Amino acid sequence: MAEETVIYRADHVLEYPFVRSVGPTVGAFLTGLRDGKILGTTGNGGKVIVPPTEYDPETGEETSGVVEVGPEGTVTSWSWAGHPRAKQPLETPFAWVLVRFDGADTSFLHVLPAASPAEVSTGMRVRPEFAPEGERVGHVKDIRHFVAVGGGS
């Protein structure tokens, strides 16, 4: 006679019911975005890092102090997205841009809407277009996109 196998079952839900703390450095940056400001940190040799990090990416030393930069900056590099895909930040053509804010030594990645690549260039001056004050929540999406200095939204 064959031995009967007993199968035990238990319902289990795998979840991660916690909220991540962003800490004082990233927290200050996100609060700055909510308030319509761009903040960085000071790294080794006075280098200003935006977005801010807790440690200098070149030396590993702790960064110090929060410093306001911008709000304008210069496009240091860009890539064209002529046919945006689902879940990309814009539904119309745009450029991914690396922007070095005035007063910063590193670049920040975001988007710049444009009808064609001819409207985007390395070295062009841009500024962030923030969501209206009552809609900002302390998230990188508080910057809707960048616009050319002198351009509209």
N, C-alpha and C. Protein backbone atom coordinates (compact mmCIF):
# COMPACT_ATOMS: atom_id res chain seq x y z
N MET A 1 0.83 -1.16 0.00
CA MET A 1 0.00 0.00 0.00
C MET A 1 0.89 1.24 0.00
N ALA A 2 0.57 2.19 -0.90
CA ALA A 2 1.37 3.40 -1.05
C ALA A 2 1.11 4.35 0.11
N GLU A 3 2.18 5.03 0.49
CA GLU A 3 2.07 5.99 1.58
C GLU A 3 1.38 7.26 1.08
N GLU A 4 0.41 7.78 1.83
CA GLU A 4 -0.33 8.98 1.43
C GLU A 4 0.51 10.22 1.74
N THR A 5 0.59 11.13 0.74
CA THR A 5 1.35 12.36 0.91
C THR A 5 0.42 13.46 1.38
N VAL A 6 0.81 14.15 2.44
CA VAL A 6 0.02 15.26 2.95
C VAL A 6 0.69 16.54 2.48
N ILE A 7 -0.11 17.38 1.85
CA ILE A 7 0.41 18.67 1.39
C ILE A 7 -0.16 19.76 2.29
N TYR A 8 0.72 20.49 2.91
CA TYR A 8 0.31 21.58 3.77
C TYR A 8 0.35 22.88 2.97
N ARG A 9 -0.64 23.71 3.13
CA ARG A 9 -0.70 24.98 2.42
C ARG A 9 -0.98 26.10 3.43
N ALA A 10 -0.41 27.24 3.15
CA ALA A 10 -0.66 28.42 3.97
C ALA A 10 -0.65 29.64 3.06
N ASP A 11 -1.65 30.47 3.20
CA ASP A 11 -1.68 31.70 2.42
C ASP A 11 -0.60 32.63 2.96
N HIS A 12 0.08 33.27 2.03
CA HIS A 12 1.13 34.21 2.42
C HIS A 12 1.18 35.34 1.40
N VAL A 13 1.25 36.55 1.88
CA VAL A 13 1.36 37.72 1.01
C VAL A 13 2.76 38.28 1.19
N LEU A 14 3.50 38.36 0.10
CA LEU A 14 4.83 38.95 0.15
C LEU A 14 4.68 40.45 -0.06
N GLU A 15 5.11 41.23 0.91
CA GLU A 15 4.98 42.67 0.79
C GLU A 15 6.11 43.35 1.52
N TYR A 16 6.29 44.62 1.23
CA TYR A 16 7.31 45.44 1.86
C TYR A 16 6.61 46.69 2.41
N PRO A 17 5.97 46.55 3.55
CA PRO A 17 5.15 47.65 4.08
C PRO A 17 5.96 48.71 4.83
N PHE A 18 6.86 49.36 4.13
CA PHE A 18 7.63 50.40 4.77
C PHE A 18 7.76 51.59 3.83
N VAL A 19 8.12 52.70 4.40
CA VAL A 19 8.35 53.91 3.62
C VAL A 19 9.83 54.22 3.76
N ARG A 20 10.49 54.45 2.63
CA ARG A 20 11.92 54.73 2.65
C ARG A 20 12.16 56.17 3.08
N SER A 21 13.08 56.34 3.97
CA SER A 21 13.50 57.67 4.37
C SER A 21 14.58 58.12 3.39
N VAL A 22 14.45 59.34 2.87
CA VAL A 22 15.44 59.82 1.91
C VAL A 22 16.64 60.45 2.58
N GLY A 23 16.57 60.72 3.86
CA GLY A 23 17.70 61.29 4.58
C GLY A 23 17.80 62.79 4.39
N PRO A 24 18.75 63.42 5.09
CA PRO A 24 18.83 64.87 5.08
C PRO A 24 19.30 65.47 3.75
N THR A 25 20.14 64.78 3.00
CA THR A 25 20.68 65.34 1.77
C THR A 25 19.65 65.31 0.65
N VAL A 26 19.15 64.13 0.33
CA VAL A 26 18.14 64.01 -0.72
C VAL A 26 16.84 64.67 -0.26
N GLY A 27 16.55 64.58 1.04
CA GLY A 27 15.35 65.24 1.57
C GLY A 27 15.38 66.74 1.34
N ALA A 28 16.53 67.36 1.54
CA ALA A 28 16.67 68.80 1.30
C ALA A 28 16.46 69.11 -0.18
N PHE A 29 17.01 68.27 -1.05
CA PHE A 29 16.85 68.47 -2.49
C PHE A 29 15.37 68.40 -2.89
N LEU A 30 14.66 67.38 -2.40
CA LEU A 30 13.25 67.22 -2.73
C LEU A 30 12.40 68.34 -2.14
N THR A 31 12.72 68.76 -0.94
CA THR A 31 12.01 69.90 -0.35
C THR A 31 12.26 71.16 -1.18
N GLY A 32 13.49 71.32 -1.65
CA GLY A 32 13.81 72.44 -2.52
C GLY A 32 12.97 72.42 -3.78
N LEU A 33 12.84 71.25 -4.41
CA LEU A 33 12.00 71.14 -5.61
C LEU A 33 10.56 71.55 -5.30
N ARG A 34 10.06 71.09 -4.17
CA ARG A 34 8.71 71.46 -3.78
C ARG A 34 8.57 72.98 -3.67
N ASP A 35 9.65 73.63 -3.21
CA ASP A 35 9.64 75.08 -3.02
C ASP A 35 10.09 75.84 -4.27
N GLY A 36 10.33 75.11 -5.37
CA GLY A 36 10.73 75.77 -6.61
C GLY A 36 12.19 76.17 -6.67
N LYS A 37 13.04 75.46 -5.92
CA LYS A 37 14.48 75.76 -5.89
C LYS A 37 15.27 74.52 -6.26
N ILE A 38 16.48 74.74 -6.76
CA ILE A 38 17.40 73.64 -7.07
C ILE A 38 18.53 73.70 -6.06
N LEU A 39 18.73 72.62 -5.32
CA LEU A 39 19.77 72.56 -4.29
C LEU A 39 20.79 71.48 -4.61
N GLY A 40 22.02 71.74 -4.25
CA GLY A 40 23.09 70.77 -4.38
C GLY A 40 23.85 70.67 -3.08
N THR A 41 24.90 69.85 -3.08
CA THR A 41 25.77 69.74 -1.92
C THR A 41 27.18 70.06 -2.35
N THR A 42 28.00 70.38 -1.37
CA THR A 42 29.39 70.72 -1.64
C THR A 42 30.26 69.49 -1.39
N GLY A 43 31.00 69.12 -2.43
CA GLY A 43 31.88 67.97 -2.34
C GLY A 43 33.33 68.38 -2.16
N ASN A 44 34.22 67.45 -2.47
CA ASN A 44 35.65 67.65 -2.34
C ASN A 44 36.12 68.88 -3.12
N GLY A 45 36.88 69.74 -2.49
CA GLY A 45 37.43 70.91 -3.14
C GLY A 45 36.41 71.97 -3.49
N GLY A 46 35.23 71.92 -2.87
CA GLY A 46 34.20 72.93 -3.13
C GLY A 46 33.33 72.65 -4.33
N LYS A 47 33.48 71.49 -4.93
CA LYS A 47 32.68 71.10 -6.09
C LYS A 47 31.21 70.97 -5.69
N VAL A 48 30.31 71.60 -6.46
CA VAL A 48 28.87 71.55 -6.15
C VAL A 48 28.22 70.45 -6.98
N ILE A 49 27.57 69.53 -6.28
CA ILE A 49 26.99 68.33 -6.89
C ILE A 49 25.48 68.44 -6.93
N VAL A 50 24.91 68.34 -8.15
CA VAL A 50 23.46 68.38 -8.36
C VAL A 50 23.11 67.28 -9.35
N PRO A 51 22.19 66.37 -9.01
CA PRO A 51 21.49 66.28 -7.73
C PRO A 51 22.48 65.91 -6.62
N PRO A 52 22.15 66.31 -5.41
CA PRO A 52 23.09 66.13 -4.31
C PRO A 52 23.27 64.67 -3.92
N THR A 53 24.46 64.36 -3.46
CA THR A 53 24.77 63.03 -2.93
C THR A 53 25.32 63.19 -1.52
N GLU A 54 25.27 62.13 -0.76
CA GLU A 54 25.80 62.17 0.60
C GLU A 54 27.31 62.02 0.62
N TYR A 55 27.85 61.43 -0.46
CA TYR A 55 29.28 61.21 -0.55
C TYR A 55 29.78 61.70 -1.91
N ASP A 56 30.96 62.30 -1.94
CA ASP A 56 31.55 62.77 -3.18
C ASP A 56 31.79 61.56 -4.08
N PRO A 57 31.26 61.57 -5.31
CA PRO A 57 31.40 60.40 -6.17
C PRO A 57 32.85 60.13 -6.60
N GLU A 58 33.72 61.12 -6.51
CA GLU A 58 35.11 60.91 -6.91
C GLU A 58 36.00 60.44 -5.77
N THR A 59 35.74 60.92 -4.55
CA THR A 59 36.63 60.62 -3.43
C THR A 59 36.01 59.72 -2.37
N GLY A 60 34.67 59.65 -2.35
CA GLY A 60 33.98 58.88 -1.32
C GLY A 60 33.85 59.62 0.00
N GLU A 61 34.40 60.85 0.07
CA GLU A 61 34.29 61.64 1.29
C GLU A 61 32.87 62.19 1.43
N GLU A 62 32.45 62.42 2.67
CA GLU A 62 31.13 62.99 2.90
C GLU A 62 31.04 64.38 2.29
N THR A 63 29.88 64.68 1.72
CA THR A 63 29.65 66.03 1.22
C THR A 63 29.16 66.88 2.39
N SER A 64 29.17 68.19 2.18
CA SER A 64 28.74 69.06 3.27
C SER A 64 27.97 70.25 2.71
N GLY A 65 27.09 70.75 3.52
CA GLY A 65 26.38 71.97 3.18
C GLY A 65 25.44 71.83 2.00
N VAL A 66 24.37 72.55 2.06
CA VAL A 66 23.40 72.62 0.97
C VAL A 66 23.55 73.99 0.34
N VAL A 67 23.62 74.02 -0.99
CA VAL A 67 23.79 75.28 -1.69
C VAL A 67 22.75 75.38 -2.80
N GLU A 68 22.17 76.56 -2.96
CA GLU A 68 21.20 76.77 -4.03
C GLU A 68 21.94 77.11 -5.31
N VAL A 69 21.50 76.53 -6.42
CA VAL A 69 22.09 76.78 -7.73
C VAL A 69 21.00 77.21 -8.71
N GLY A 70 21.44 77.60 -9.92
CA GLY A 70 20.48 77.93 -10.96
C GLY A 70 19.74 79.22 -10.69
N PRO A 71 18.52 79.35 -11.13
CA PRO A 71 17.69 78.30 -11.70
C PRO A 71 18.00 77.98 -13.16
N GLU A 72 18.78 78.82 -13.84
CA GLU A 72 19.11 78.54 -15.23
C GLU A 72 20.34 77.65 -15.29
N GLY A 73 20.52 77.07 -16.47
CA GLY A 73 21.68 76.21 -16.67
C GLY A 73 21.97 76.04 -18.15
N THR A 74 22.96 75.21 -18.43
CA THR A 74 23.43 74.97 -19.79
C THR A 74 23.29 73.49 -20.12
N VAL A 75 22.78 73.18 -21.31
CA VAL A 75 22.70 71.80 -21.78
C VAL A 75 24.12 71.33 -22.10
N THR A 76 24.57 70.27 -21.42
CA THR A 76 25.91 69.74 -21.65
C THR A 76 25.90 68.58 -22.63
N SER A 77 24.76 67.91 -22.76
CA SER A 77 24.61 66.80 -23.68
C SER A 77 23.13 66.51 -23.83
N TRP A 78 22.74 65.84 -24.92
CA TRP A 78 21.33 65.54 -25.10
C TRP A 78 21.16 64.36 -26.04
N SER A 79 19.96 63.79 -26.00
CA SER A 79 19.60 62.67 -26.87
C SER A 79 18.15 62.84 -27.29
N TRP A 80 17.86 62.61 -28.55
CA TRP A 80 16.55 62.86 -29.12
C TRP A 80 15.60 61.67 -28.93
N ALA A 81 14.36 61.97 -28.56
CA ALA A 81 13.29 60.96 -28.44
C ALA A 81 12.15 61.42 -29.34
N GLY A 82 12.24 61.10 -30.61
CA GLY A 82 11.26 61.56 -31.59
C GLY A 82 9.93 60.84 -31.53
N HIS A 83 9.96 59.61 -31.02
CA HIS A 83 8.73 58.80 -30.92
C HIS A 83 8.68 58.23 -29.50
N PRO A 84 8.21 59.04 -28.54
CA PRO A 84 8.18 58.60 -27.14
C PRO A 84 7.41 57.29 -26.96
N ARG A 85 7.92 56.48 -26.09
CA ARG A 85 7.28 55.20 -25.77
C ARG A 85 6.39 55.36 -24.54
N ALA A 86 5.61 54.34 -24.28
CA ALA A 86 4.76 54.34 -23.09
C ALA A 86 5.64 54.51 -21.85
N LYS A 87 5.15 55.22 -20.89
CA LYS A 87 5.80 55.46 -19.60
C LYS A 87 6.98 56.44 -19.69
N GLN A 88 7.24 57.03 -20.86
CA GLN A 88 8.24 58.08 -20.91
C GLN A 88 7.60 59.37 -20.39
N PRO A 89 8.38 60.34 -19.98
CA PRO A 89 7.81 61.50 -19.29
C PRO A 89 6.92 62.40 -20.15
N LEU A 90 7.10 62.39 -21.46
CA LEU A 90 6.26 63.21 -22.33
C LEU A 90 5.69 62.34 -23.45
N GLU A 91 4.53 62.73 -23.95
CA GLU A 91 3.90 61.98 -25.03
C GLU A 91 4.25 62.54 -26.41
N THR A 92 4.83 63.73 -26.43
CA THR A 92 5.23 64.38 -27.67
C THR A 92 6.76 64.32 -27.77
N PRO A 93 7.33 64.56 -28.96
CA PRO A 93 8.78 64.49 -29.10
C PRO A 93 9.50 65.38 -28.08
N PHE A 94 10.65 64.91 -27.62
CA PHE A 94 11.42 65.64 -26.62
C PHE A 94 12.88 65.20 -26.69
N ALA A 95 13.70 65.93 -25.97
CA ALA A 95 15.10 65.55 -25.81
C ALA A 95 15.36 65.24 -24.35
N TRP A 96 16.11 64.18 -24.11
CA TRP A 96 16.68 63.96 -22.79
C TRP A 96 17.85 64.93 -22.73
N VAL A 97 17.93 65.75 -21.71
CA VAL A 97 19.01 66.72 -21.60
C VAL A 97 19.75 66.57 -20.28
N LEU A 98 21.06 66.74 -20.35
CA LEU A 98 21.87 66.88 -19.15
C LEU A 98 22.10 68.37 -18.99
N VAL A 99 21.67 68.92 -17.86
CA VAL A 99 21.75 70.35 -17.61
C VAL A 99 22.70 70.61 -16.45
N ARG A 100 23.68 71.47 -16.69
CA ARG A 100 24.55 71.93 -15.61
C ARG A 100 24.02 73.28 -15.16
N PHE A 101 23.41 73.27 -13.98
CA PHE A 101 22.86 74.51 -13.43
C PHE A 101 23.98 75.50 -13.15
N ASP A 102 23.68 76.79 -13.29
CA ASP A 102 24.64 77.83 -12.92
C ASP A 102 25.03 77.63 -11.46
N GLY A 103 26.32 77.57 -11.20
CA GLY A 103 26.82 77.35 -9.84
C GLY A 103 27.08 75.90 -9.51
N ALA A 104 26.74 74.97 -10.42
CA ALA A 104 26.95 73.54 -10.18
C ALA A 104 28.13 73.04 -11.02
N ASP A 105 28.72 71.93 -10.59
CA ASP A 105 29.84 71.33 -11.32
C ASP A 105 29.47 69.99 -11.94
N THR A 106 28.25 69.53 -11.74
CA THR A 106 27.76 68.28 -12.33
C THR A 106 26.47 68.56 -13.07
N SER A 107 26.00 67.59 -13.83
CA SER A 107 24.79 67.79 -14.64
C SER A 107 23.62 66.97 -14.12
N PHE A 108 22.43 67.44 -14.45
CA PHE A 108 21.15 66.90 -13.98
C PHE A 108 20.36 66.43 -15.19
N LEU A 109 19.84 65.22 -15.16
CA LEU A 109 19.09 64.64 -16.28
C LEU A 109 17.61 64.96 -16.18
N HIS A 110 17.04 65.47 -17.28
CA HIS A 110 15.60 65.72 -17.33
C HIS A 110 15.19 65.80 -18.80
N VAL A 111 14.04 66.40 -19.09
CA VAL A 111 13.53 66.45 -20.46
C VAL A 111 13.28 67.87 -20.92
N LEU A 112 13.35 68.06 -22.25
CA LEU A 112 13.09 69.34 -22.89
C LEU A 112 12.19 69.06 -24.08
N PRO A 113 10.92 69.51 -24.05
CA PRO A 113 10.05 69.28 -25.20
C PRO A 113 10.56 70.07 -26.40
N ALA A 114 10.49 69.45 -27.57
CA ALA A 114 10.94 70.11 -28.80
C ALA A 114 10.29 69.43 -29.99
N ALA A 115 9.96 70.20 -31.01
CA ALA A 115 9.31 69.64 -32.20
C ALA A 115 10.30 68.87 -33.07
N SER A 116 11.58 69.23 -33.00
CA SER A 116 12.60 68.55 -33.80
C SER A 116 13.96 68.69 -33.13
N PRO A 117 14.93 67.85 -33.53
CA PRO A 117 16.27 67.97 -32.96
C PRO A 117 16.92 69.32 -33.25
N ALA A 118 16.46 70.02 -34.28
CA ALA A 118 17.02 71.33 -34.61
C ALA A 118 16.76 72.36 -33.51
N GLU A 119 15.80 72.09 -32.62
CA GLU A 119 15.48 73.01 -31.52
C GLU A 119 16.32 72.78 -30.28
N VAL A 120 17.23 71.80 -30.32
CA VAL A 120 18.03 71.43 -29.16
C VAL A 120 19.51 71.51 -29.55
N SER A 121 20.34 72.02 -28.66
CA SER A 121 21.77 72.04 -28.94
C SER A 121 22.58 72.03 -27.65
N THR A 122 23.73 71.42 -27.71
CA THR A 122 24.66 71.49 -26.59
C THR A 122 25.06 72.94 -26.43
N GLY A 123 25.05 73.42 -25.22
CA GLY A 123 25.40 74.81 -24.94
C GLY A 123 24.20 75.73 -24.83
N MET A 124 23.01 75.25 -25.21
CA MET A 124 21.83 76.12 -25.10
C MET A 124 21.49 76.38 -23.64
N ARG A 125 20.93 77.54 -23.38
CA ARG A 125 20.55 77.94 -22.03
C ARG A 125 19.10 77.53 -21.78
N VAL A 126 18.85 76.94 -20.62
CA VAL A 126 17.53 76.46 -20.26
C VAL A 126 17.22 76.80 -18.80
N ARG A 127 15.96 76.65 -18.46
CA ARG A 127 15.51 76.79 -17.07
C ARG A 127 14.43 75.75 -16.82
N PRO A 128 14.24 75.35 -15.57
CA PRO A 128 13.18 74.38 -15.27
C PRO A 128 11.81 75.04 -15.31
N GLU A 129 10.83 74.31 -15.77
CA GLU A 129 9.43 74.72 -15.73
C GLU A 129 8.80 73.89 -14.61
N PHE A 130 8.55 74.54 -13.47
CA PHE A 130 7.99 73.84 -12.32
C PHE A 130 6.48 73.69 -12.43
N ALA A 131 5.95 72.66 -11.79
CA ALA A 131 4.51 72.52 -11.63
C ALA A 131 4.03 73.70 -10.79
N PRO A 132 2.75 74.06 -10.89
CA PRO A 132 2.24 75.16 -10.04
C PRO A 132 2.49 74.86 -8.56
N GLU A 133 2.67 75.92 -7.80
CA GLU A 133 3.06 75.81 -6.39
C GLU A 133 2.18 74.83 -5.59
N GLY A 134 0.90 74.86 -5.74
CA GLY A 134 0.02 73.98 -4.96
C GLY A 134 0.07 72.52 -5.38
N GLU A 135 0.69 72.21 -6.52
CA GLU A 135 0.75 70.84 -7.03
C GLU A 135 2.08 70.15 -6.72
N ARG A 136 3.07 70.89 -6.24
CA ARG A 136 4.39 70.30 -5.98
C ARG A 136 4.36 69.49 -4.68
N VAL A 137 5.04 68.34 -4.72
CA VAL A 137 5.01 67.44 -3.57
C VAL A 137 6.40 67.02 -3.07
N GLY A 138 7.47 67.54 -3.68
CA GLY A 138 8.80 67.11 -3.28
C GLY A 138 9.23 65.88 -4.05
N HIS A 139 9.14 65.94 -5.37
CA HIS A 139 9.47 64.83 -6.27
C HIS A 139 10.15 65.42 -7.49
N VAL A 140 10.99 64.65 -8.14
CA VAL A 140 11.67 65.16 -9.34
C VAL A 140 10.67 65.60 -10.41
N LYS A 141 9.47 65.05 -10.38
CA LYS A 141 8.44 65.46 -11.33
C LYS A 141 7.84 66.83 -11.00
N ASP A 142 8.29 67.44 -9.89
CA ASP A 142 7.89 68.83 -9.63
C ASP A 142 8.45 69.74 -10.72
N ILE A 143 9.53 69.30 -11.36
CA ILE A 143 10.00 69.97 -12.58
C ILE A 143 9.28 69.25 -13.71
N ARG A 144 8.37 69.95 -14.38
CA ARG A 144 7.64 69.32 -15.49
C ARG A 144 8.58 69.01 -16.64
N HIS A 145 9.43 69.99 -16.97
CA HIS A 145 10.39 69.86 -18.05
C HIS A 145 11.23 71.12 -18.06
N PHE A 146 12.20 71.17 -18.94
CA PHE A 146 12.99 72.38 -19.12
C PHE A 146 12.50 73.13 -20.35
N VAL A 147 12.76 74.43 -20.38
CA VAL A 147 12.44 75.27 -21.53
C VAL A 147 13.66 76.11 -21.85
N ALA A 148 13.78 76.48 -23.12
CA ALA A 148 14.86 77.36 -23.53
C ALA A 148 14.68 78.70 -22.85
N VAL A 149 15.77 79.29 -22.41
CA VAL A 149 15.70 80.61 -21.79
C VAL A 149 15.17 81.56 -22.84
N GLY A 150 14.11 82.30 -22.48
CA GLY A 150 13.45 83.17 -23.43
C GLY A 150 12.31 82.47 -24.16
N GLY A 151 12.20 81.13 -23.98
CA GLY A 151 11.14 80.36 -24.63
C GLY A 151 9.94 80.20 -23.72
N GLY A 152 8.85 79.71 -24.25
CA GLY A 152 7.64 79.47 -23.46
C GLY A 152 7.62 78.07 -22.92
N SER A 153 6.54 77.73 -22.26
CA SER A 153 6.43 76.39 -21.70
C SER A 153 5.71 75.45 -22.62
